[in-house]
Amino acid sequence: MIRIVGAGPTGALLALLLERRGKEVELYEARPDPRLVPADSGRSINLALADRGIHALKAAGVFDRLGSALLPMRGRLIHYENRDTNFQPYGQAGEVIYSVSRHRLNQVLIEVAAQRTGVRLFFQHRFEAADFAAGTASIRDLHKHRLISVPMQPLLAADGAGSAMRREMAAQKLIQATETDLEHGYKELSMPPGPDRSCRIAKDVLHIWPRGNFMLIALPNDDGSFTATLFLPKHGPVSFAALSDAGSADEFLSRHFPDARELMPNAVAEWHAHPVGFLGTVSTSPWHVRGEAMLIGDAAHAMVPFHGQGMNCCFEDCMEFDAWAALQPWEAVFTQFSAARKRNTDAIAAMALDNYSEMRESVADPKFQLQRALSLELERRFPQRFIPRYSMVMFHHEIPYLTAQQRGAVQAGILTELTCGAVNALSDIDFDCAERLVIGGLPPL
């Protein structure tokens, strides 16, 4: 019997993959059954689903059941303060990322899990403590107001960035764990749909309002609305702390995001109703305690959301753990899986931080836009050698994150050299030089 703590998307997917392998799984979740309750207000409700996550959902037999909940986005639409816009494709033709409701995705995963005979679901069952000497975990049954003890060996903790199991392991000095605050936070705001659930702005793009040290983004929902997220320092002259009253918040939104503010009639009320969300990076070593319990997903390695890879990375964790699960004993599984996986999760955590600067500032820079266009052109000319780092991460599950990071560094140098004397057009690029640099610096993938 395998026990999983946390029935969010990661825990639910992991249960499905392990059950498919013939394992019996018990899945414990502190919150109510998502099939029976509405989504949490103010919590991040949109997720970006890319190739790594799609690959995992297909393996679990879930992807096709999402249907209209998946909203394809072809690229970024940049909104300037003067209301001009600029479209930047994510990749080549046909390469898209999907916006999906966290709540709907979780519902579908739980619906499928409930149909599997090898999965038992326990909602409103909260993990509270672990006794590693005895090999047991204490779970509080919130229905019956009682504490129950369950064997670990193994217990998989998929209980998210605020993992109670991680903090329990760290408190007992069994692991090293750090939570690094970005010093920026976020607030969720909403853009209601137009008449007859129509979209009032383009629905097939990620909208970005980059403003240097802060930004607003908006992702589409299947009811014609958009979920907007403001990323802003928590403290300082331009920060959430400095915008504590209704008038200052409204003036800030109207001045920096005039076109967006017109689409957010409830922004001031939501500003005060929704908490400031935490943004940070979690790093843990090791991920497990002997063969008894292991952290997986955000519980082990949460990252900032700016590469759209948090969920995708967690789902890839599940796929790779499932492949290692054929080994025994569990301590060998935990040790070998986490050692192999940590190199890649460290790489994507670093790239996610890089992408924050890109999204809030670089995307509006003509030099960045030229290098982005050039990277896609080089991919068309040298598809076996030059795949933009962003595309390697988002559209190629077969390329490890660490490989994308390493090759991306080489490619950044090539792009810098090729655009050094260029103005703002691909016609300024010396493509003979480009061929020498690509072939000389990038072996075929």
Protein backbone atom coordinates (compact mmCIF):
# COMPACT_ATOMS: atom_id res chain seq x y z
CA MET A 1 0.00 0.00 0.00
CA ILE A 2 1.29 3.46 -0.97
CA ARG A 3 -0.04 6.44 0.94
CA ILE A 4 -0.06 9.94 -0.58
CA VAL A 5 -0.64 13.12 1.42
CA GLY A 6 -2.17 15.85 -0.74
CA ALA A 7 -4.84 15.29 -3.40
CA GLY A 8 -4.17 18.39 -5.47
CA PRO A 9 -3.18 17.91 -9.12
CA THR A 10 0.22 16.38 -8.23
CA GLY A 11 -1.01 13.88 -5.66
CA ALA A 12 -4.02 12.87 -7.74
CA LEU A 13 -1.94 12.33 -10.88
CA LEU A 14 0.67 10.37 -8.94
CA ALA A 15 -2.05 8.10 -7.54
CA LEU A 16 -3.35 7.41 -11.06
CA LEU A 17 0.08 6.56 -12.44
CA LEU A 18 0.95 4.24 -9.55
CA GLU A 19 -2.45 2.52 -9.69
CA ARG A 20 -1.91 1.93 -13.39
CA ARG A 21 1.31 0.12 -12.40
CA GLY A 22 -0.70 -2.19 -10.14
CA LYS A 23 -0.08 -0.44 -6.82
CA GLU A 24 -2.77 0.13 -4.21
CA VAL A 25 -2.96 3.78 -3.18
CA GLU A 26 -4.57 5.71 -0.33
CA LEU A 27 -4.90 9.44 -1.02
CA TYR A 28 -5.37 11.84 1.92
CA GLU A 29 -6.45 15.48 1.50
CA ALA A 30 -7.16 18.10 4.20
CA ARG A 31 -9.64 20.04 2.07
CA PRO A 32 -13.12 18.91 0.97
CA ASP A 33 -13.71 16.93 -2.20
CA PRO A 34 -13.18 19.41 -5.10
CA ARG A 35 -16.09 17.82 -6.95
CA LEU A 36 -18.44 19.14 -4.25
CA VAL A 37 -17.16 22.66 -3.48
CA PRO A 38 -16.35 25.83 -5.48
CA ALA A 39 -12.80 27.01 -6.14
CA ASP A 40 -10.96 29.00 -3.47
CA SER A 41 -11.40 32.74 -4.08
CA GLY A 42 -8.21 34.75 -4.41
CA ARG A 43 -5.98 31.70 -4.88
CA SER A 44 -4.14 31.30 -8.16
CA ILE A 45 -6.87 29.72 -10.28
CA ASN A 46 -5.25 29.45 -13.72
CA LEU A 47 -2.45 27.10 -14.62
CA ALA A 48 -0.33 26.96 -17.76
CA LEU A 49 -0.32 23.46 -19.23
CA ALA A 50 2.58 22.72 -21.58
CA ASP A 51 4.11 19.66 -23.21
CA ARG A 52 5.56 18.05 -20.07
CA GLY A 53 2.23 18.22 -18.29
CA ILE A 54 0.31 17.08 -21.36
CA HIS A 55 2.61 14.07 -21.71
CA ALA A 56 1.88 13.05 -18.11
CA LEU A 57 -1.88 13.60 -18.37
CA LYS A 58 -2.02 11.48 -21.52
CA ALA A 59 -0.11 8.69 -19.78
CA ALA A 60 -2.70 8.76 -16.97
CA GLY A 61 -5.64 8.76 -19.41
CA VAL A 62 -6.83 12.20 -18.32
CA PHE A 63 -5.91 14.69 -21.04
CA ASP A 64 -8.78 13.94 -23.43
CA ARG A 65 -11.31 14.38 -20.61
CA LEU A 66 -10.38 18.04 -20.12
CA GLY A 67 -11.97 19.08 -23.43
CA SER A 68 -13.19 22.67 -23.49
CA ALA A 69 -11.45 23.43 -20.18
CA LEU A 70 -8.22 23.75 -22.19
CA LEU A 71 -7.82 27.19 -23.76
CA PRO A 72 -4.92 27.40 -26.25
CA MET A 73 -2.61 30.43 -26.12
CA ARG A 74 -0.37 31.09 -29.16
CA GLY A 75 1.92 33.62 -27.51
CA ARG A 76 2.20 36.79 -25.47
CA LEU A 77 0.38 40.02 -26.22
CA ILE A 78 2.39 42.88 -24.75
CA HIS A 79 0.40 45.94 -23.61
CA TYR A 80 2.27 49.24 -23.40
CA GLU A 81 1.23 52.20 -21.26
CA ASN A 82 0.18 54.13 -24.39
CA ARG A 83 -2.26 51.25 -25.15
CA ASP A 84 -0.22 49.93 -28.10
CA THR A 85 0.23 46.15 -28.26
CA ASN A 86 2.79 43.74 -29.67
CA PHE A 87 2.24 40.02 -30.29
CA GLN A 88 5.12 37.62 -29.59
CA PRO A 89 4.55 33.96 -30.55
CA TYR A 90 5.60 31.32 -28.04
CA GLY A 91 7.13 29.09 -30.67
CA GLN A 92 6.68 27.77 -34.17
CA ALA A 93 3.26 27.43 -35.84
CA GLY A 94 1.11 24.99 -33.89
CA GLU A 95 3.11 25.26 -30.65
CA VAL A 96 0.70 26.47 -27.98
CA ILE A 97 0.34 26.52 -24.22
CA TYR A 98 -3.03 25.91 -22.58
CA SER A 99 -4.68 27.96 -19.87
CA VAL A 100 -6.63 25.61 -17.60
CA SER A 101 -8.61 26.10 -14.41
CA ARG A 102 -6.76 24.60 -11.44
CA HIS A 103 -10.08 23.64 -9.88
CA ARG A 104 -11.46 21.98 -13.02
CA LEU A 105 -8.22 20.09 -13.62
CA ASN A 106 -8.25 18.83 -10.03
CA GLN A 107 -11.90 17.82 -10.37
CA VAL A 108 -11.18 15.74 -13.47
CA LEU A 109 -8.17 14.04 -11.87
CA ILE A 110 -10.25 13.16 -8.80
CA GLU A 111 -13.14 11.96 -10.98
CA VAL A 112 -10.81 9.56 -12.75
CA ALA A 113 -9.13 8.46 -9.50
CA ALA A 114 -12.52 7.70 -7.92
CA GLN A 115 -13.22 5.28 -10.78
CA ARG A 116 -10.02 3.29 -10.19
CA THR A 117 -10.44 0.27 -7.93
CA GLY A 118 -6.89 0.58 -6.62
CA VAL A 119 -7.32 4.16 -5.31
CA ARG A 120 -9.04 5.05 -2.01
CA LEU A 121 -9.82 8.73 -1.39
CA PHE A 122 -9.96 10.35 2.06
CA PHE A 123 -11.02 14.01 2.06
CA GLN A 124 -10.89 16.26 5.13
CA HIS A 125 -8.06 14.10 6.43
CA ARG A 126 -5.15 16.36 7.44
CA PHE A 127 -1.57 15.20 7.94
CA GLU A 128 -0.34 16.41 11.34
CA ALA A 129 2.84 14.59 12.37
CA ALA A 130 5.29 11.85 11.51
CA ASP A 131 7.01 9.39 13.85
CA PHE A 132 10.00 8.24 11.84
CA ALA A 133 11.20 5.89 14.58
CA ALA A 134 7.89 4.02 14.49
CA GLY A 135 7.35 4.54 10.74
CA THR A 136 3.87 6.02 11.19
CA ALA A 137 2.08 9.24 10.29
CA SER A 138 -0.70 10.92 12.27
CA ILE A 139 -3.71 11.96 10.19
CA ARG A 140 -6.60 13.93 11.65
CA ASP A 141 -10.03 12.85 10.41
CA LEU A 142 -11.85 16.19 10.40
CA HIS A 143 -15.21 14.47 9.86
CA LYS A 144 -15.07 12.42 13.06
CA HIS A 145 -12.71 14.68 15.05
CA ARG A 146 -10.25 11.89 15.69
CA LEU A 147 -6.57 11.24 15.13
CA ILE A 148 -5.60 8.10 13.23
CA SER A 149 -2.21 6.51 12.72
CA VAL A 150 -1.20 5.08 9.34
CA PRO A 151 1.99 3.26 8.32
CA MET A 152 4.44 5.09 6.10
CA GLN A 153 6.97 2.93 4.24
CA PRO A 154 6.13 4.49 1.86
CA LEU A 155 4.32 7.77 2.31
CA LEU A 156 4.61 10.33 -0.50
CA ALA A 157 4.05 13.95 0.49
CA ALA A 158 2.52 15.92 -2.39
CA ASP A 159 1.19 18.60 -0.06
CA GLY A 160 2.46 21.63 -1.93
CA ALA A 161 4.81 24.55 -1.35
CA GLY A 162 3.68 24.91 2.27
CA SER A 163 4.22 21.19 2.88
CA ALA A 164 3.51 20.13 6.47
CA MET A 165 5.60 17.00 5.91
CA ARG A 166 8.61 19.03 4.74
CA ARG A 167 8.39 21.23 7.81
CA GLU A 168 8.05 18.16 10.01
CA MET A 169 11.16 16.59 8.46
CA ALA A 170 13.09 19.85 8.82
CA ALA A 171 11.97 20.39 12.43
CA GLN A 172 13.32 16.95 13.29
CA LYS A 173 16.60 17.89 11.51
CA LEU A 174 16.25 15.01 9.08
CA ILE A 175 16.54 17.25 5.99
CA GLN A 176 17.75 20.72 5.04
CA ALA A 177 14.98 22.94 3.67
CA THR A 178 15.00 26.59 2.65
CA GLU A 179 12.15 28.86 1.56
CA THR A 180 13.53 31.90 -0.28
CA ASP A 181 11.10 34.83 -0.50
CA LEU A 182 11.16 36.71 -3.80
CA GLU A 183 10.11 39.89 -1.94
CA HIS A 184 7.37 40.31 -4.52
CA GLY A 185 3.81 39.10 -4.03
CA TYR A 186 0.69 38.80 -6.17
CA LYS A 187 -3.02 39.56 -6.12
CA GLU A 188 -5.72 37.93 -8.21
CA LEU A 189 -8.17 40.29 -9.96
CA SER A 190 -10.89 39.50 -12.48
CA MET A 191 -12.03 40.67 -15.90
CA PRO A 192 -15.69 39.64 -16.36
CA PRO A 193 -16.91 38.41 -19.75
CA GLY A 194 -18.83 40.51 -22.23
CA PRO A 195 -22.39 39.80 -23.40
CA ASP A 196 -23.19 36.12 -23.96
CA ARG A 197 -19.91 35.02 -22.34
CA SER A 198 -17.88 36.76 -25.03
CA CYS A 199 -14.24 37.67 -24.46
CA ARG A 200 -13.55 41.41 -24.31
CA ILE A 201 -9.88 40.94 -25.25
CA ALA A 202 -8.10 38.31 -27.35
CA LYS A 203 -8.63 34.89 -25.79
CA ASP A 204 -5.80 32.96 -27.49
CA VAL A 205 -2.87 34.77 -25.89
CA LEU A 206 -1.30 35.48 -22.52
CA HIS A 207 -1.74 39.21 -21.92
CA ILE A 208 1.20 40.98 -20.25
CA TRP A 209 1.45 44.59 -19.06
CA PRO A 210 5.23 44.85 -18.31
CA ARG A 211 6.21 47.82 -16.16
CA GLY A 212 9.82 47.25 -15.10
CA ASN A 213 9.68 46.26 -11.43
CA PHE A 214 6.10 45.03 -11.59
CA MET A 215 3.60 43.65 -14.10
CA LEU A 216 0.05 42.54 -14.71
CA ILE A 217 -0.88 39.39 -16.63
CA ALA A 218 -4.23 37.96 -17.72
CA LEU A 219 -5.15 34.40 -18.72
CA PRO A 220 -8.43 33.34 -20.37
CA ASN A 221 -11.15 31.27 -18.71
CA ASP A 222 -13.71 29.10 -20.48
CA ASP A 223 -16.62 31.39 -19.48
CA GLY A 224 -15.22 34.37 -21.42
CA SER A 225 -13.67 35.98 -18.34
CA PHE A 226 -9.97 36.51 -17.64
CA THR A 227 -8.03 36.00 -14.46
CA ALA A 228 -5.64 38.90 -13.99
CA THR A 229 -2.67 38.67 -11.64
CA LEU A 230 -0.70 41.67 -10.44
CA PHE A 231 2.91 40.98 -9.43
CA LEU A 232 4.33 43.78 -7.27
CA PRO A 233 6.94 44.26 -4.50
CA LYS A 234 5.48 43.70 -1.06
CA HIS A 235 7.29 46.68 0.46
CA GLY A 236 8.75 49.95 -0.77
CA PRO A 237 7.54 53.14 -2.46
CA VAL A 238 5.63 51.21 -5.17
CA SER A 239 4.33 48.14 -3.38
CA PHE A 240 1.34 46.42 -1.89
CA ALA A 241 2.19 47.99 1.48
CA ALA A 242 2.12 51.47 -0.06
CA LEU A 243 -1.25 50.86 -1.73
CA SER A 244 -3.31 49.94 1.28
CA ASP A 245 -6.35 52.18 0.72
CA ALA A 246 -8.96 52.07 -2.04
CA GLY A 247 -8.03 55.38 -3.58
CA SER A 248 -4.33 54.66 -3.97
CA ALA A 249 -4.96 51.16 -5.37
CA ASP A 250 -7.46 52.50 -7.91
CA GLU A 251 -5.15 55.35 -8.95
CA PHE A 252 -2.21 52.93 -9.34
CA LEU A 253 -4.17 50.53 -11.57
CA SER A 254 -5.67 53.33 -13.66
CA ARG A 255 -2.30 55.04 -14.21
CA HIS A 256 -0.18 52.01 -15.08
CA PHE A 257 -2.77 49.70 -16.69
CA PRO A 258 -5.48 51.99 -18.10
CA ASP A 259 -6.84 49.55 -20.70
CA ALA A 260 -6.90 46.70 -18.19
CA ARG A 261 -8.50 48.79 -15.44
CA GLU A 262 -11.44 49.51 -17.75
CA LEU A 263 -12.07 45.75 -17.90
CA MET A 264 -11.92 45.21 -14.12
CA PRO A 265 -15.02 46.83 -12.56
CA ASN A 266 -14.54 44.94 -9.27
CA ALA A 267 -10.80 45.59 -8.96
CA VAL A 268 -10.90 47.76 -5.83
CA ALA A 269 -13.18 45.39 -3.93
CA GLU A 270 -11.08 42.40 -4.98
CA TRP A 271 -7.90 44.26 -4.04
CA HIS A 272 -9.06 44.39 -0.43
CA ALA A 273 -10.76 40.99 -0.37
CA HIS A 274 -7.89 38.94 -1.80
CA PRO A 275 -4.70 38.36 0.20
CA VAL A 276 -1.22 39.02 -1.13
CA GLY A 277 0.08 35.66 -2.33
CA PHE A 278 3.57 34.37 -1.49
CA LEU A 279 6.17 34.00 -4.25
CA GLY A 280 9.32 32.09 -3.53
CA THR A 281 11.58 29.14 -4.16
CA VAL A 282 11.69 26.02 -1.99
CA SER A 283 14.87 23.93 -1.95
CA THR A 284 15.17 20.66 -0.04
CA SER A 285 17.93 18.10 0.46
CA PRO A 286 17.45 15.22 0.67
CA TRP A 287 13.85 14.78 -0.41
CA HIS A 288 13.25 11.72 1.75
CA VAL A 289 13.78 10.06 5.11
CA ARG A 290 15.15 6.59 4.51
CA GLY A 291 12.44 4.49 2.81
CA GLU A 292 9.61 5.85 4.94
CA ALA A 293 8.55 9.17 3.45
CA MET A 294 9.46 11.29 0.45
CA LEU A 295 8.57 14.78 -0.73
CA ILE A 296 7.49 15.21 -4.33
CA GLY A 297 6.41 18.15 -6.48
CA ASP A 298 6.17 21.59 -4.88
CA ALA A 299 6.68 20.04 -1.44
CA ALA A 300 10.28 19.33 -2.49
CA HIS A 301 11.09 22.14 -4.93
CA ALA A 302 8.49 24.88 -5.36
CA MET A 303 9.44 27.64 -7.79
CA VAL A 304 8.17 31.06 -8.81
CA PRO A 305 5.46 30.89 -11.53
CA PHE A 306 7.11 32.93 -14.25
CA HIS A 307 8.03 30.11 -16.60
CA GLY A 308 4.63 28.43 -16.40
CA GLN A 309 6.35 25.22 -15.30
CA GLY A 310 5.31 24.69 -11.67
CA MET A 311 2.57 22.18 -12.41
CA ASN A 312 4.33 20.79 -15.48
CA CYS A 313 7.46 20.11 -13.46
CA CYS A 314 5.41 18.42 -10.72
CA PHE A 315 3.69 16.23 -13.28
CA GLU A 316 7.07 15.29 -14.75
CA ASP A 317 8.14 14.35 -11.20
CA CYS A 318 5.22 11.94 -11.12
CA MET A 319 6.16 10.37 -14.45
CA GLU A 320 9.78 9.88 -13.44
CA PHE A 321 8.92 8.57 -9.97
CA ASP A 322 6.51 6.10 -11.53
CA ALA A 323 9.34 4.79 -13.72
CA TRP A 324 11.63 4.35 -10.68
CA ALA A 325 8.86 2.71 -8.63
CA ALA A 326 9.57 -0.69 -10.15
CA LEU A 327 12.71 -0.82 -8.00
CA GLN A 328 12.72 -2.13 -4.45
CA PRO A 329 13.29 -1.45 -1.62
CA TRP A 330 11.69 1.99 -1.27
CA GLU A 331 14.81 3.63 0.10
CA ALA A 332 16.60 2.78 -3.15
CA VAL A 333 13.68 4.20 -5.15
CA PHE A 334 13.68 7.44 -3.14
CA THR A 335 17.45 7.86 -3.23
CA GLN A 336 17.92 7.23 -6.93
CA PHE A 337 14.84 9.15 -8.08
CA SER A 338 15.59 12.28 -6.05
CA ALA A 339 19.28 12.30 -6.96
CA ALA A 340 18.47 12.08 -10.67
CA ARG A 341 15.58 14.53 -10.53
CA LYS A 342 17.05 17.30 -8.35
CA ARG A 343 19.53 18.42 -11.03
CA ASN A 344 16.62 19.20 -13.32
CA THR A 345 14.35 20.81 -10.73
CA ASP A 346 17.21 23.10 -9.65
CA ALA A 347 17.66 24.09 -13.30
CA ILE A 348 14.01 25.00 -13.90
CA ALA A 349 13.80 26.90 -10.60
CA ALA A 350 16.70 29.09 -11.77
CA MET A 351 15.16 29.57 -15.23
CA ALA A 352 11.82 30.54 -13.66
CA LEU A 353 13.55 33.34 -11.76
CA ASP A 354 15.25 34.46 -14.98
CA ASN A 355 11.88 34.63 -16.69
CA TYR A 356 10.45 37.10 -14.17
CA SER A 357 12.86 39.79 -15.31
CA GLU A 358 12.10 38.88 -18.92
CA MET A 359 8.33 39.14 -18.50
CA ARG A 360 8.15 42.36 -16.51
CA GLU A 361 10.83 44.25 -18.44
CA SER A 362 12.67 42.57 -21.34
CA VAL A 363 9.62 41.69 -23.44
CA ALA A 364 9.13 45.42 -24.16
CA ASP A 365 12.76 45.91 -25.28
CA PRO A 366 13.29 46.01 -29.09
CA LYS A 367 16.64 44.20 -28.73
CA PHE A 368 14.96 41.35 -26.84
CA GLN A 369 12.23 41.19 -29.48
CA LEU A 370 14.83 40.95 -32.25
CA GLN A 371 16.69 38.19 -30.43
CA ARG A 372 13.42 36.34 -29.89
CA ALA A 373 12.55 36.55 -33.59
CA LEU A 374 16.08 35.47 -34.49
CA SER A 375 15.92 32.46 -32.18
CA LEU A 376 12.77 31.23 -33.94
CA GLU A 377 14.40 31.79 -37.35
CA LEU A 378 17.50 29.84 -36.29
CA GLU A 379 15.24 27.02 -35.12
CA ARG A 380 13.62 26.92 -38.57
CA ARG A 381 17.05 26.80 -40.25
CA PHE A 382 18.77 24.42 -37.80
CA PRO A 383 15.96 22.43 -36.13
CA GLN A 384 18.26 19.67 -34.84
CA ARG A 385 20.69 22.10 -33.22
CA PHE A 386 19.02 25.37 -32.27
CA ILE A 387 15.78 25.17 -30.28
CA PRO A 388 15.14 28.30 -28.18
CA ARG A 389 15.51 27.69 -24.46
CA TYR A 390 11.89 28.67 -23.89
CA SER A 391 10.76 26.13 -26.48
CA MET A 392 12.96 23.38 -25.07
CA VAL A 393 11.28 23.91 -21.71
CA MET A 394 7.70 24.34 -22.91
CA PHE A 395 7.39 22.12 -25.99
CA HIS A 396 9.94 19.31 -25.63
CA HIS A 397 9.35 16.96 -22.71
CA GLU A 398 12.12 14.73 -24.06
CA ILE A 399 14.75 17.43 -23.36
CA PRO A 400 15.73 17.57 -19.65
CA TYR A 401 15.53 20.95 -17.92
CA LEU A 402 19.26 20.88 -17.21
CA THR A 403 20.03 20.37 -20.90
CA ALA A 404 17.74 23.29 -21.79
CA GLN A 405 19.52 25.49 -19.25
CA GLN A 406 23.01 24.55 -20.48
CA ARG A 407 22.23 24.85 -24.18
CA GLY A 408 20.27 28.03 -23.51
CA ALA A 409 23.41 29.67 -22.12
CA VAL A 410 25.31 28.85 -25.31
CA GLN A 411 22.43 30.11 -27.45
CA ALA A 412 22.25 33.37 -25.50
CA GLY A 413 25.87 34.02 -26.39
CA ILE A 414 25.19 33.30 -30.06
CA LEU A 415 22.19 35.64 -30.12
CA THR A 416 24.15 38.41 -28.42
CA GLU A 417 26.98 38.14 -30.93
CA LEU A 418 24.68 38.05 -33.95
CA THR A 419 22.61 41.07 -32.84
CA CYS A 420 25.53 43.18 -31.61
CA GLY A 421 25.50 45.47 -34.65
CA ALA A 422 21.93 44.84 -35.75
CA VAL A 423 19.22 47.46 -35.58
CA ASN A 424 15.77 45.92 -35.26
CA ALA A 425 15.32 43.57 -38.23
CA LEU A 426 16.35 40.06 -39.25
CA SER A 427 17.70 41.57 -42.48
CA ASP A 428 20.55 42.97 -40.36
CA ILE A 429 21.71 39.46 -39.34
CA ASP A 430 24.73 37.75 -40.92
CA PHE A 431 23.31 34.26 -41.39
CA ASP A 432 26.59 32.85 -42.72
CA CYS A 433 28.12 33.78 -39.37
CA ALA A 434 25.04 32.34 -37.66
CA GLU A 435 25.58 28.99 -39.37
CA ARG A 436 29.20 28.84 -38.21
CA LEU A 437 28.27 29.71 -34.64
CA VAL A 438 25.36 27.26 -34.43
CA ILE A 439 27.21 24.32 -35.98
CA GLY A 440 30.36 25.09 -33.99
CA GLY A 441 28.65 25.60 -30.63
CA LEU A 442 25.60 23.33 -30.57
CA PRO A 443 25.87 19.58 -31.23
CA PRO A 444 22.70 17.98 -32.64
CA LEU A 445 20.03 17.10 -30.12
